[in-house]
Amino acid sequence: MSATKSGTKKSSATSYRVSFRDRFRTALKLHKENSIQTLLDILRQPTNSLMTILVLAIALALPSAFYLFMTNAKAVSQSWDGGIKMALYLEDSTSDKQAQELLSQLNSRPEFKQVTFVSKDDALEEFKDYSGFGEALNYLDNNPMPYTITLEPTASFSEPSQLEALAQELSQLKQVDQAKLDSDWIKKYNSILTISEQIATFVSLMLALGVLLIVGNTIRLAILNRREEIQVIKLVGATDAFIRRPFLYAGFWYGTIAALLAALMVNIVFILLQQSTSHLAQLYSSEFSLLGLAPSFTLGLLVIGALLGLIGAWVSVRKHLKDINPQ
């Protein structure tokens, strides 16, 4: 009799272990339901949600616009770098033979992709055309213009430090009177770009902080509005992780939707400016056209928006959820 009872107890105490696959499927199902339900809750409050998303989108669009501006400004700088030329003005005593020997020597150097020789007569004619003193120059007894060799460096020698060192080296040649490198304005332009990039980085960090604060405040208000509901589900044994999940998804959706809207806003501005920029480039005989947001940057913007939304929601939930206890 006792043996039978013992066997009965053993059979009734048999436990069933849930497999990892079942637990994973259950967790995945819960996350999917929370994600969809949170998105629907946001859509059910279009006025409040739209205002929050619009503010977040503007905060994300400004750094994106800065990035687009800097990308195009650097593209302009690179196109100018390709047009940098160095001019060698030869001594007055340089003969035609010496000038041609120097020209041949420079043509053999790998630093230059194009070497152009300008004779004294050609230089004088060019000066007449640009100066407006053509008639006065005709009365000169001697041609005052020197032989000139124009050098166009290769792309591998486009750095300002390399060009300055090269100009210094060429100025030491016997027949060279002066080596002139007209790149000061490009260096100033690049310096302005560097400062602008630093300012844009600082502003972007401040705006990212603003996104965190906006999302955090939005989630705080959502927690306060559901305070009584949270107290009830805590009373029946719900964990903080279970309660926290919908609010984290809310932050995720706010950040992701705002990032999508920010990318759309920047691209619309880009399209509106494209025609005007192309027309301006044509006036300066340039083929430059605006560069839009690359797909990789748009994807990165979505990731950043989602992460900022999650972080802002996490901080807010962690701070305010612990203050709500079941009564």
C-alpha atoms as a PDB file:
ATOM      1  CA  MET A   1       0.000   0.000   0.000  1.00  0.00           C
ATOM      2  CA  SER A   2       2.746   2.410   0.946  1.00  0.00           C
ATOM      3  CA  ALA A   3       4.686   1.485  -2.183  1.00  0.00           C
ATOM      4  CA  THR A   4       1.694   2.378  -4.311  1.00  0.00           C
ATOM      5  CA  LYS A   5       1.349   5.738  -2.634  1.00  0.00           C
ATOM      6  CA  SER A   6       5.035   6.413  -3.102  1.00  0.00           C
ATOM      7  CA  GLY A   7       4.770   5.634  -6.783  1.00  0.00           C
ATOM      8  CA  THR A   8       1.787   7.925  -7.070  1.00  0.00           C
ATOM      9  CA  LYS A   9       3.656  10.798  -5.452  1.00  0.00           C
ATOM     10  CA  LYS A  10       6.580  10.340  -7.786  1.00  0.00           C
ATOM     11  CA  SER A  11       4.386  10.406 -10.854  1.00  0.00           C
ATOM     12  CA  SER A  12       2.489  13.479  -9.678  1.00  0.00           C
ATOM     13  CA  ALA A  13       5.731  15.333  -8.984  1.00  0.00           C
ATOM     14  CA  THR A  14       7.048  14.831 -12.503  1.00  0.00           C
ATOM     15  CA  SER A  15       8.282  18.180 -13.907  1.00  0.00           C
ATOM     16  CA  TYR A  16       8.318  19.322 -17.529  1.00  0.00           C
ATOM     17  CA  ARG A  17      11.264  21.349 -18.779  1.00  0.00           C
ATOM     18  CA  VAL A  18      10.625  23.965 -21.428  1.00  0.00           C
ATOM     19  CA  SER A  19      13.128  23.752 -24.271  1.00  0.00           C
ATOM     20  CA  PHE A  20      15.250  26.703 -25.314  1.00  0.00           C
ATOM     21  CA  ARG A  21      13.540  26.741 -28.705  1.00  0.00           C
ATOM     22  CA  ASP A  22      10.111  27.099 -27.095  1.00  0.00           C
ATOM     23  CA  ARG A  23      11.316  29.865 -24.810  1.00  0.00           C
ATOM     24  CA  PHE A  24      12.900  31.672 -27.744  1.00  0.00           C
ATOM     25  CA  ARG A  25       9.719  31.403 -29.793  1.00  0.00           C
ATOM     26  CA  THR A  26       7.643  32.702 -26.896  1.00  0.00           C
ATOM     27  CA  ALA A  27       9.986  35.649 -26.313  1.00  0.00           C
ATOM     28  CA  LEU A  28      10.030  36.436 -30.033  1.00  0.00           C
ATOM     29  CA  LYS A  29       6.233  36.356 -30.143  1.00  0.00           C
ATOM     30  CA  LEU A  30       5.980  38.703 -27.150  1.00  0.00           C
ATOM     31  CA  HIS A  31       8.459  41.155 -28.683  1.00  0.00           C
ATOM     32  CA  LYS A  32       6.571  41.089 -31.972  1.00  0.00           C
ATOM     33  CA  GLU A  33       3.255  41.746 -30.241  1.00  0.00           C
ATOM     34  CA  ASN A  34       4.731  44.566 -28.126  1.00  0.00           C
ATOM     35  CA  SER A  35       6.351  46.157 -31.167  1.00  0.00           C
ATOM     36  CA  ILE A  36       3.178  46.128 -33.267  1.00  0.00           C
ATOM     37  CA  GLN A  37       0.959  47.222 -30.384  1.00  0.00           C
ATOM     38  CA  THR A  38       3.275  50.109 -29.508  1.00  0.00           C
ATOM     39  CA  LEU A  39       3.319  51.298 -33.123  1.00  0.00           C
ATOM     40  CA  LEU A  40      -0.490  51.151 -33.224  1.00  0.00           C
ATOM     41  CA  ASP A  41      -0.672  53.137 -29.971  1.00  0.00           C
ATOM     42  CA  ILE A  42       1.515  55.840 -31.535  1.00  0.00           C
ATOM     43  CA  LEU A  43      -0.690  55.954 -34.636  1.00  0.00           C
ATOM     44  CA  ARG A  44      -3.843  56.209 -32.523  1.00  0.00           C
ATOM     45  CA  GLN A  45      -2.599  59.544 -31.146  1.00  0.00           C
ATOM     46  CA  PRO A  46      -1.647  61.305 -34.400  1.00  0.00           C
ATOM     47  CA  THR A  47      -1.561  64.857 -33.050  1.00  0.00           C
ATOM     48  CA  ASN A  48       0.749  64.294 -30.079  1.00  0.00           C
ATOM     49  CA  SER A  49       2.832  61.698 -31.906  1.00  0.00           C
ATOM     50  CA  LEU A  50       3.248  63.868 -35.001  1.00  0.00           C
ATOM     51  CA  MET A  51       4.455  66.837 -32.960  1.00  0.00           C
ATOM     52  CA  THR A  52       7.036  64.701 -31.166  1.00  0.00           C
ATOM     53  CA  ILE A  53       8.211  63.002 -34.361  1.00  0.00           C
ATOM     54  CA  LEU A  54       8.424  66.319 -36.225  1.00  0.00           C
ATOM     55  CA  VAL A  55      10.622  67.885 -33.530  1.00  0.00           C
ATOM     56  CA  LEU A  56      12.845  64.795 -33.492  1.00  0.00           C
ATOM     57  CA  ALA A  57      13.029  64.806 -37.297  1.00  0.00           C
ATOM     58  CA  ILE A  58      14.197  68.426 -37.373  1.00  0.00           C
ATOM     59  CA  ALA A  59      16.837  67.641 -34.735  1.00  0.00           C
ATOM     60  CA  LEU A  60      18.097  64.742 -36.879  1.00  0.00           C
ATOM     61  CA  ALA A  61      17.750  66.584 -40.200  1.00  0.00           C
ATOM     62  CA  LEU A  62      20.036  69.461 -39.213  1.00  0.00           C
ATOM     63  CA  PRO A  63      23.152  67.285 -38.685  1.00  0.00           C
ATOM     64  CA  SER A  64      22.288  65.426 -41.893  1.00  0.00           C
ATOM     65  CA  ALA A  65      22.091  68.729 -43.762  1.00  0.00           C
ATOM     66  CA  PHE A  66      25.452  69.743 -42.254  1.00  0.00           C
ATOM     67  CA  TYR A  67      26.916  66.450 -43.460  1.00  0.00           C
ATOM     68  CA  LEU A  68      25.510  66.975 -46.953  1.00  0.00           C
ATOM     69  CA  PHE A  69      26.878  70.521 -47.052  1.00  0.00           C
ATOM     70  CA  MET A  70      30.351  69.419 -45.931  1.00  0.00           C
ATOM     71  CA  THR A  71      30.377  66.557 -48.443  1.00  0.00           C
ATOM     72  CA  ASN A  72      29.607  68.901 -51.325  1.00  0.00           C
ATOM     73  CA  ALA A  73      32.041  71.551 -50.059  1.00  0.00           C
ATOM     74  CA  LYS A  74      34.828  68.950 -49.951  1.00  0.00           C
ATOM     75  CA  ALA A  75      33.899  67.825 -53.461  1.00  0.00           C
ATOM     76  CA  VAL A  76      34.285  71.422 -54.639  1.00  0.00           C
ATOM     77  CA  SER A  77      37.644  71.655 -52.860  1.00  0.00           C
ATOM     78  CA  GLN A  78      38.881  68.455 -54.495  1.00  0.00           C
ATOM     79  CA  SER A  79      37.894  69.718 -57.943  1.00  0.00           C
ATOM     80  CA  TRP A  80      39.870  72.900 -57.268  1.00  0.00           C
ATOM     81  CA  ASP A  81      42.844  70.904 -55.983  1.00  0.00           C
ATOM     82  CA  GLY A  82      42.973  69.192 -59.352  1.00  0.00           C
ATOM     83  CA  GLY A  83      43.342  72.609 -60.992  1.00  0.00           C
ATOM     84  CA  ILE A  84      46.301  73.833 -58.928  1.00  0.00           C
ATOM     85  CA  LYS A  85      49.183  74.855 -61.141  1.00  0.00           C
ATOM     86  CA  MET A  86      52.727  75.941 -60.475  1.00  0.00           C
ATOM     87  CA  ALA A  87      54.481  78.587 -62.566  1.00  0.00           C
ATOM     88  CA  LEU A  88      58.250  78.802 -62.999  1.00  0.00           C
ATOM     89  CA  TYR A  89      59.524  82.201 -64.149  1.00  0.00           C
ATOM     90  CA  LEU A  90      62.977  81.845 -65.703  1.00  0.00           C
ATOM     91  CA  GLU A  91      65.886  84.262 -65.485  1.00  0.00           C
ATOM     92  CA  ASP A  92      66.096  86.972 -68.173  1.00  0.00           C
ATOM     93  CA  SER A  93      69.481  85.633 -69.207  1.00  0.00           C
ATOM     94  CA  THR A  94      68.038  82.183 -69.975  1.00  0.00           C
ATOM     95  CA  SER A  95      68.526  81.209 -73.617  1.00  0.00           C
ATOM     96  CA  ASP A  96      66.074  79.266 -75.757  1.00  0.00           C
ATOM     97  CA  LYS A  97      68.287  76.195 -75.556  1.00  0.00           C
ATOM     98  CA  GLN A  98      68.500  76.337 -71.754  1.00  0.00           C
ATOM     99  CA  ALA A  99      64.729  76.791 -71.500  1.00  0.00           C
ATOM    100  CA  GLN A 100      64.106  73.745 -73.710  1.00  0.00           C
ATOM    101  CA  GLU A 101      66.587  71.650 -71.707  1.00  0.00           C
ATOM    102  CA  LEU A 102      64.805  72.582 -68.486  1.00  0.00           C
ATOM    103  CA  LEU A 103      61.459  71.800 -70.109  1.00  0.00           C
ATOM    104  CA  SER A 104      62.712  68.341 -71.107  1.00  0.00           C
ATOM    105  CA  GLN A 105      64.022  67.759 -67.584  1.00  0.00           C
ATOM    106  CA  LEU A 106      60.680  68.664 -66.006  1.00  0.00           C
ATOM    107  CA  ASN A 107      58.744  66.498 -68.482  1.00  0.00           C
ATOM    108  CA  SER A 108      60.649  63.455 -67.251  1.00  0.00           C
ATOM    109  CA  ARG A 109      59.672  64.006 -63.610  1.00  0.00           C
ATOM    110  CA  PRO A 110      56.816  61.836 -62.241  1.00  0.00           C
ATOM    111  CA  GLU A 111      55.381  64.650 -60.092  1.00  0.00           C
ATOM    112  CA  PHE A 112      53.831  66.411 -63.083  1.00  0.00           C
ATOM    113  CA  LYS A 113      51.121  65.205 -65.415  1.00  0.00           C
ATOM    114  CA  GLN A 114      51.376  68.211 -67.709  1.00  0.00           C
ATOM    115  CA  VAL A 115      54.211  70.647 -68.430  1.00  0.00           C
ATOM    116  CA  THR A 116      53.536  73.675 -70.640  1.00  0.00           C
ATOM    117  CA  PHE A 117      56.134  76.061 -72.026  1.00  0.00           C
ATOM    118  CA  VAL A 118      55.182  79.713 -72.616  1.00  0.00           C
ATOM    119  CA  SER A 119      57.632  81.739 -74.688  1.00  0.00           C
ATOM    120  CA  LYS A 120      58.356  85.416 -74.109  1.00  0.00           C
ATOM    121  CA  ASP A 121      56.318  86.462 -77.140  1.00  0.00           C
ATOM    122  CA  ASP A 122      53.326  84.333 -76.125  1.00  0.00           C
ATOM    123  CA  ALA A 123      53.517  85.684 -72.577  1.00  0.00           C
ATOM    124  CA  LEU A 124      53.550  89.257 -73.876  1.00  0.00           C
ATOM    125  CA  GLU A 125      50.553  88.652 -76.148  1.00  0.00           C
ATOM    126  CA  GLU A 126      48.640  87.071 -73.287  1.00  0.00           C
ATOM    127  CA  PHE A 127      49.485  90.002 -71.026  1.00  0.00           C
ATOM    128  CA  LYS A 128      48.269  92.435 -73.698  1.00  0.00           C
ATOM    129  CA  ASP A 129      44.923  90.653 -73.903  1.00  0.00           C
ATOM    130  CA  TYR A 130      44.308  90.653 -70.154  1.00  0.00           C
ATOM    131  CA  SER A 131      45.873  93.956 -69.090  1.00  0.00           C
ATOM    132  CA  GLY A 132      44.276  96.341 -71.571  1.00  0.00           C
ATOM    133  CA  PHE A 133      47.640  98.069 -72.163  1.00  0.00           C
ATOM    134  CA  GLY A 134      48.197  96.554 -75.596  1.00  0.00           C
ATOM    135  CA  GLU A 135      48.966  99.811 -77.401  1.00  0.00           C
ATOM    136  CA  ALA A 136      51.331 101.067 -74.706  1.00  0.00           C
ATOM    137  CA  LEU A 137      53.247  97.782 -74.700  1.00  0.00           C
ATOM    138  CA  ASN A 138      53.876  98.117 -78.433  1.00  0.00           C
ATOM    139  CA  TYR A 139      56.223 101.033 -77.734  1.00  0.00           C
ATOM    140  CA  LEU A 140      58.575  98.933 -75.596  1.00  0.00           C
ATOM    141  CA  ASP A 141      62.011  98.362 -77.073  1.00  0.00           C
ATOM    142  CA  ASN A 142      62.485  94.980 -75.410  1.00  0.00           C
ATOM    143  CA  ASN A 143      60.114  92.238 -74.345  1.00  0.00           C
ATOM    144  CA  PRO A 144      60.047  92.362 -70.512  1.00  0.00           C
ATOM    145  CA  MET A 145      58.213  89.059 -70.119  1.00  0.00           C
ATOM    146  CA  PRO A 146      60.247  86.030 -68.955  1.00  0.00           C
ATOM    147  CA  TYR A 147      60.085  82.482 -70.188  1.00  0.00           C
ATOM    148  CA  THR A 148      57.407  80.685 -68.183  1.00  0.00           C
ATOM    149  CA  ILE A 149      56.876  76.994 -67.545  1.00  0.00           C
ATOM    150  CA  THR A 150      53.473  75.986 -66.186  1.00  0.00           C
ATOM    151  CA  LEU A 151      53.348  72.734 -64.222  1.00  0.00           C
ATOM    152  CA  GLU A 152      50.254  70.725 -63.289  1.00  0.00           C
ATOM    153  CA  PRO A 153      51.005  68.248 -60.469  1.00  0.00           C
ATOM    154  CA  THR A 154      49.610  64.716 -60.414  1.00  0.00           C
ATOM    155  CA  ALA A 155      46.919  63.702 -57.921  1.00  0.00           C
ATOM    156  CA  SER A 156      49.548  62.060 -55.682  1.00  0.00           C
ATOM    157  CA  PHE A 157      51.236  65.464 -55.260  1.00  0.00           C
ATOM    158  CA  SER A 158      48.150  67.546 -54.502  1.00  0.00           C
ATOM    159  CA  GLU A 159      48.730  68.056 -50.769  1.00  0.00           C
ATOM    160  CA  PRO A 160      49.671  71.660 -49.852  1.00  0.00           C
ATOM    161  CA  SER A 161      52.778  70.548 -47.934  1.00  0.00           C
ATOM    162  CA  GLN A 162      54.002  68.496 -50.905  1.00  0.00           C
ATOM    163  CA  LEU A 163      53.400  71.340 -53.338  1.00  0.00           C
ATOM    164  CA  GLU A 164      55.218  73.856 -51.141  1.00  0.00           C
ATOM    165  CA  ALA A 165      58.222  71.547 -50.803  1.00  0.00           C
ATOM    166  CA  LEU A 166      58.213  70.979 -54.560  1.00  0.00           C
ATOM    167  CA  ALA A 167      58.037  74.709 -55.284  1.00  0.00           C
ATOM    168  CA  GLN A 168      60.915  75.320 -52.881  1.00  0.00           C
ATOM    169  CA  GLU A 169      62.998  72.651 -54.626  1.00  0.00           C
ATOM    170  CA  LEU A 170      62.322  73.997 -58.122  1.00  0.00           C
ATOM    171  CA  SER A 171      63.100  77.564 -57.098  1.00  0.00           C
ATOM    172  CA  GLN A 172      66.688  76.439 -56.426  1.00  0.00           C
ATOM    173  CA  LEU A 173      67.246  75.428 -60.059  1.00  0.00           C
ATOM    174  CA  LYS A 174      69.851  77.481 -61.890  1.00  0.00           C
ATOM    175  CA  GLN A 175      67.626  79.011 -64.574  1.00  0.00           C
ATOM    176  CA  VAL A 176      64.601  79.586 -62.303  1.00  0.00           C
ATOM    177  CA  ASP A 177      64.087  83.106 -61.001  1.00  0.00           C
ATOM    178  CA  GLN A 178      60.849  82.428 -59.104  1.00  0.00           C
ATOM    179  CA  ALA A 179      58.523  79.474 -58.466  1.00  0.00           C
ATOM    180  CA  LYS A 180      54.982  80.611 -57.788  1.00  0.00           C
ATOM    181  CA  LEU A 181      52.292  78.368 -56.327  1.00  0.00           C
ATOM    182  CA  ASP A 182      48.857  79.938 -56.211  1.00  0.00           C
ATOM    183  CA  SER A 183      47.296  77.780 -53.503  1.00  0.00           C
ATOM    184  CA  ASP A 184      46.895  80.189 -50.594  1.00  0.00           C
ATOM    185  CA  TRP A 185      43.197  80.665 -51.264  1.00  0.00           C
ATOM    186  CA  ILE A 186      42.649  76.897 -51.347  1.00  0.00           C
ATOM    187  CA  LYS A 187      44.423  76.516 -47.999  1.00  0.00           C
ATOM    188  CA  LYS A 188      42.187  79.211 -46.543  1.00  0.00           C
ATOM    189  CA  TYR A 189      39.127  77.480 -47.963  1.00  0.00           C
ATOM    190  CA  ASN A 190      40.208  74.142 -46.462  1.00  0.00           C
ATOM    191  CA  SER A 191      40.818  75.842 -43.105  1.00  0.00           C
ATOM    192  CA  ILE A 192      37.281  77.225 -43.189  1.00  0.00           C
ATOM    193  CA  LEU A 193      36.013  73.725 -43.991  1.00  0.00           C
ATOM    194  CA  THR A 194      37.887  72.290 -41.011  1.00  0.00           C
ATOM    195  CA  ILE A 195      36.427  74.876 -38.637  1.00  0.00           C
ATOM    196  CA  SER A 196      32.959  74.363 -40.118  1.00  0.00           C
ATOM    197  CA  GLU A 197      33.296  70.613 -39.642  1.00  0.00           C
ATOM    198  CA  GLN A 198      34.200  71.065 -35.974  1.00  0.00           C
ATOM    199  CA  ILE A 199      31.236  73.388 -35.439  1.00  0.00           C
ATOM    200  CA  ALA A 200      28.934  70.927 -37.221  1.00  0.00           C
ATOM    201  CA  THR A 201      30.183  68.095 -34.989  1.00  0.00           C
ATOM    202  CA  PHE A 202      29.512  70.128 -31.839  1.00  0.00           C
ATOM    203  CA  VAL A 203      26.033  71.134 -33.034  1.00  0.00           C
ATOM    204  CA  SER A 204      25.271  67.519 -33.970  1.00  0.00           C
ATOM    205  CA  LEU A 205      26.205  66.324 -30.485  1.00  0.00           C
ATOM    206  CA  MET A 206      23.985  68.978 -28.921  1.00  0.00           C
ATOM    207  CA  LEU A 207      21.084  67.993 -31.168  1.00  0.00           C
ATOM    208  CA  ALA A 208      21.628  64.310 -30.335  1.00  0.00           C
ATOM    209  CA  LEU A 209      21.397  65.231 -26.658  1.00  0.00           C
ATOM    210  CA  GLY A 210      18.198  67.102 -27.481  1.00  0.00           C
ATOM    211  CA  VAL A 211      16.776  63.964 -29.110  1.00  0.00           C
ATOM    212  CA  LEU A 212      17.540  61.979 -25.950  1.00  0.00           C
ATOM    213  CA  LEU A 213      15.808  64.570 -23.778  1.00  0.00           C
ATOM    214  CA  ILE A 214      12.735  64.790 -26.028  1.00  0.00           C
ATOM    215  CA  VAL A 215      12.301  61.015 -26.179  1.00  0.00           C
ATOM    216  CA  GLY A 216      12.924  60.731 -22.449  1.00  0.00           C
ATOM    217  CA  ASN A 217      10.299  63.352 -21.647  1.00  0.00           C
ATOM    218  CA  THR A 218       7.774  61.727 -24.006  1.00  0.00           C
ATOM    219  CA  ILE A 219       8.271  58.337 -22.347  1.00  0.00           C
ATOM    220  CA  ARG A 220       8.047  59.947 -18.890  1.00  0.00           C
ATOM    221  CA  LEU A 221       4.624  61.367 -19.745  1.00  0.00           C
ATOM    222  CA  ALA A 222       3.532  57.975 -21.083  1.00  0.00           C
ATOM    223  CA  ILE A 223       4.605  56.305 -17.835  1.00  0.00           C
ATOM    224  CA  LEU A 224       2.720  58.856 -15.733  1.00  0.00           C
ATOM    225  CA  ASN A 225      -0.417  58.396 -17.846  1.00  0.00           C
ATOM    226  CA  ARG A 226      -0.275  54.631 -17.245  1.00  0.00           C
ATOM    227  CA  ARG A 227       0.723  54.840 -13.605  1.00  0.00           C
ATOM    228  CA  GLU A 228      -2.377  53.081 -12.257  1.00  0.00           C
ATOM    229  CA  GLU A 229      -2.128  50.346 -14.885  1.00  0.00           C
ATOM    230  CA  ILE A 230       1.524  49.776 -13.972  1.00  0.00           C
ATOM    231  CA  GLN A 231       0.622  49.539 -10.284  1.00  0.00           C
ATOM    232  CA  VAL A 232      -1.992  46.868 -11.023  1.00  0.00           C
ATOM    233  CA  ILE A 233       0.237  44.676 -13.183  1.00  0.00           C
ATOM    234  CA  LYS A 234       3.039  44.998 -10.638  1.00  0.00           C
ATOM    235  CA  LEU A 235       0.583  43.844  -8.004  1.00  0.00           C
ATOM    236  CA  VAL A 236      -0.142  40.642  -9.925  1.00  0.00           C
ATOM    237  CA  GLY A 237       3.576  39.911 -10.271  1.00  0.00           C
ATOM    238  CA  ALA A 238       4.715  41.502 -13.540  1.00  0.00           C
ATOM    239  CA  THR A 239       8.466  42.073 -13.732  1.00  0.00           C
ATOM    240  CA  ASP A 240      10.087  45.406 -14.548  1.00  0.00           C
ATOM    241  CA  ALA A 241      11.429  43.904 -17.784  1.00  0.00           C
ATOM    242  CA  PHE A 242       7.881  43.056 -18.891  1.00  0.00           C
ATOM    243  CA  ILE A 243       6.630  46.552 -18.036  1.00  0.00           C
ATOM    244  CA  ARG A 244       9.654  48.239 -19.581  1.00  0.00           C
ATOM    245  CA  ARG A 245       9.388  46.552 -22.984  1.00  0.00           C
ATOM    246  CA  PRO A 246       6.511  48.601 -24.552  1.00  0.00           C
ATOM    247  CA  PHE A 247       8.136  51.890 -23.556  1.00  0.00           C
ATOM    248  CA  LEU A 248      11.440  50.840 -25.117  1.00  0.00           C
ATOM    249  CA  TYR A 249       9.652  49.991 -28.337  1.00  0.00           C
ATOM    250  CA  ALA A 250       7.940  53.379 -28.209  1.00  0.00           C
ATOM    251  CA  GLY A 251      11.349  55.073 -28.074  1.00  0.00           C
ATOM    252  CA  PHE A 252      12.556  52.852 -30.908  1.00  0.00           C
ATOM    253  CA  TRP A 253       9.611  53.774 -33.135  1.00  0.00           C
ATOM    254  CA  TYR A 254       9.851  57.475 -32.353  1.00  0.00           C
ATOM    255  CA  GLY A 255      13.545  57.512 -33.284  1.00  0.00           C
ATOM    256  CA  THR A 256      13.170  55.377 -36.411  1.00  0.00           C
ATOM    257  CA  ILE A 257      10.181  57.255 -37.839  1.00  0.00           C
ATOM    258  CA  ALA A 258      11.852  60.596 -37.074  1.00  0.00           C
ATOM    259  CA  ALA A 259      15.029  59.440 -38.871  1.00  0.00           C
ATOM    260  CA  LEU A 260      12.986  58.427 -41.929  1.00  0.00           C
ATOM    261  CA  LEU A 261      11.276  61.806 -41.951  1.00  0.00           C
ATOM    262  CA  ALA A 262      14.628  63.589 -41.508  1.00  0.00           C
ATOM    263  CA  ALA A 263      16.115  61.768 -44.514  1.00  0.00           C
ATOM    264  CA  LEU A 264      13.026  62.664 -46.550  1.00  0.00           C
ATOM    265  CA  MET A 265      13.277  66.340 -45.571  1.00  0.00           C
ATOM    266  CA  VAL A 266      16.969  66.558 -46.491  1.00  0.00           C
ATOM    267  CA  ASN A 267      16.397  64.843 -49.836  1.00  0.00           C
ATOM    268  CA  ILE A 268      13.527  67.213 -50.664  1.00  0.00           C
ATOM    269  CA  VAL A 269      15.775  70.211 -49.974  1.00  0.00           C
ATOM    270  CA  PHE A 270      18.485  68.575 -52.099  1.00  0.00           C
ATOM    271  CA  ILE A 271      16.080  68.154 -55.030  1.00  0.00           C
ATOM    272  CA  LEU A 272      14.931  71.771 -54.742  1.00  0.00           C
ATOM    273  CA  LEU A 273      18.524  73.054 -54.790  1.00  0.00           C
ATOM    274  CA  GLN A 274      19.779  70.735 -57.525  1.00  0.00           C
ATOM    275  CA  GLN A 275      18.588  72.801 -60.480  1.00  0.00           C
ATOM    276  CA  SER A 276      19.810  76.125 -59.058  1.00  0.00           C
ATOM    277  CA  THR A 277      23.215  74.653 -58.246  1.00  0.00           C
ATOM    278  CA  SER A 278      23.582  73.148 -61.714  1.00  0.00           C
ATOM    279  CA  HIS A 279      22.701  76.501 -63.289  1.00  0.00           C
ATOM    280  CA  LEU A 280      25.282  78.280 -61.106  1.00  0.00           C
ATOM    281  CA  ALA A 281      27.936  75.710 -62.017  1.00  0.00           C
ATOM    282  CA  GLN A 282      27.240  76.238 -65.720  1.00  0.00           C
ATOM    283  CA  LEU A 283      27.848  79.970 -65.325  1.00  0.00           C
ATOM    284  CA  TYR A 284      31.364  79.142 -64.114  1.00  0.00           C
ATOM    285  CA  SER A 285      31.877  76.479 -66.817  1.00  0.00           C
ATOM    286  CA  SER A 286      31.853  73.739 -64.208  1.00  0.00           C
ATOM    287  CA  GLU A 287      30.278  70.285 -64.308  1.00  0.00           C
ATOM    288  CA  PHE A 288      29.751  70.188 -60.549  1.00  0.00           C
ATOM    289  CA  SER A 289      26.441  68.784 -59.312  1.00  0.00           C
ATOM    290  CA  LEU A 290      25.145  68.359 -55.782  1.00  0.00           C
ATOM    291  CA  LEU A 291      25.785  65.056 -54.058  1.00  0.00           C
ATOM    292  CA  GLY A 292      22.751  63.643 -52.271  1.00  0.00           C
ATOM    293  CA  LEU A 293      22.559  61.461 -49.181  1.00  0.00           C
ATOM    294  CA  ALA A 294      24.229  58.132 -49.856  1.00  0.00           C
ATOM    295  CA  PRO A 295      22.177  54.991 -49.071  1.00  0.00           C
ATOM    296  CA  SER A 296      24.779  53.997 -46.478  1.00  0.00           C
ATOM    297  CA  PHE A 297      24.359  57.335 -44.689  1.00  0.00           C
ATOM    298  CA  THR A 298      20.564  57.024 -44.777  1.00  0.00           C
ATOM    299  CA  LEU A 299      20.848  53.563 -43.240  1.00  0.00           C
ATOM    300  CA  GLY A 300      23.239  54.923 -40.627  1.00  0.00           C
ATOM    301  CA  LEU A 301      20.795  57.735 -39.855  1.00  0.00           C
ATOM    302  CA  LEU A 302      18.046  55.168 -39.240  1.00  0.00           C
ATOM    303  CA  VAL A 303      20.312  53.210 -36.899  1.00  0.00           C
ATOM    304  CA  ILE A 304      21.326  56.365 -35.016  1.00  0.00           C
ATOM    305  CA  GLY A 305      17.701  57.481 -34.716  1.00  0.00           C
ATOM    306  CA  ALA A 306      16.628  54.078 -33.392  1.00  0.00           C
ATOM    307  CA  LEU A 307      19.531  53.940 -30.911  1.00  0.00           C
ATOM    308  CA  LEU A 308      18.884  57.463 -29.620  1.00  0.00           C
ATOM    309  CA  GLY A 309      15.211  56.589 -29.179  1.00  0.00           C
ATOM    310  CA  LEU A 310      16.065  53.396 -27.302  1.00  0.00           C
ATOM    311  CA  ILE A 311      18.638  55.083 -25.064  1.00  0.00           C
ATOM    312  CA  GLY A 312      16.312  57.981 -24.240  1.00  0.00           C
ATOM    313  CA  ALA A 313      13.479  55.576 -23.441  1.00  0.00           C
ATOM    314  CA  TRP A 314      15.734  53.320 -21.352  1.00  0.00           C
ATOM    315  CA  VAL A 315      17.013  56.176 -19.210  1.00  0.00           C
ATOM    316  CA  SER A 316      13.507  57.535 -18.662  1.00  0.00           C
ATOM    317  CA  VAL A 317      11.966  54.148 -17.833  1.00  0.00           C
ATOM    318  CA  ARG A 318      14.783  53.228 -15.470  1.00  0.00           C
ATOM    319  CA  LYS A 319      14.403  56.516 -13.625  1.00  0.00           C
ATOM    320  CA  HIS A 320      10.608  56.659 -13.293  1.00  0.00           C
ATOM    321  CA  LEU A 321       9.525  53.024 -13.189  1.00  0.00           C
ATOM    322  CA  LYS A 322      11.196  52.346  -9.849  1.00  0.00           C
ATOM    323  CA  ASP A 323       9.128  55.134  -8.272  1.00  0.00           C
ATOM    324  CA  ILE A 324       5.867  53.309  -9.038  1.00  0.00           C
ATOM    325  CA  ASN A 325       4.986  50.640  -6.501  1.00  0.00           C
ATOM    326  CA  PRO A 326       1.745  48.669  -6.020  1.00  0.00           C
ATOM    327  CA  GLN A 327      -0.525  50.118  -3.360  1.00  0.00           C
END
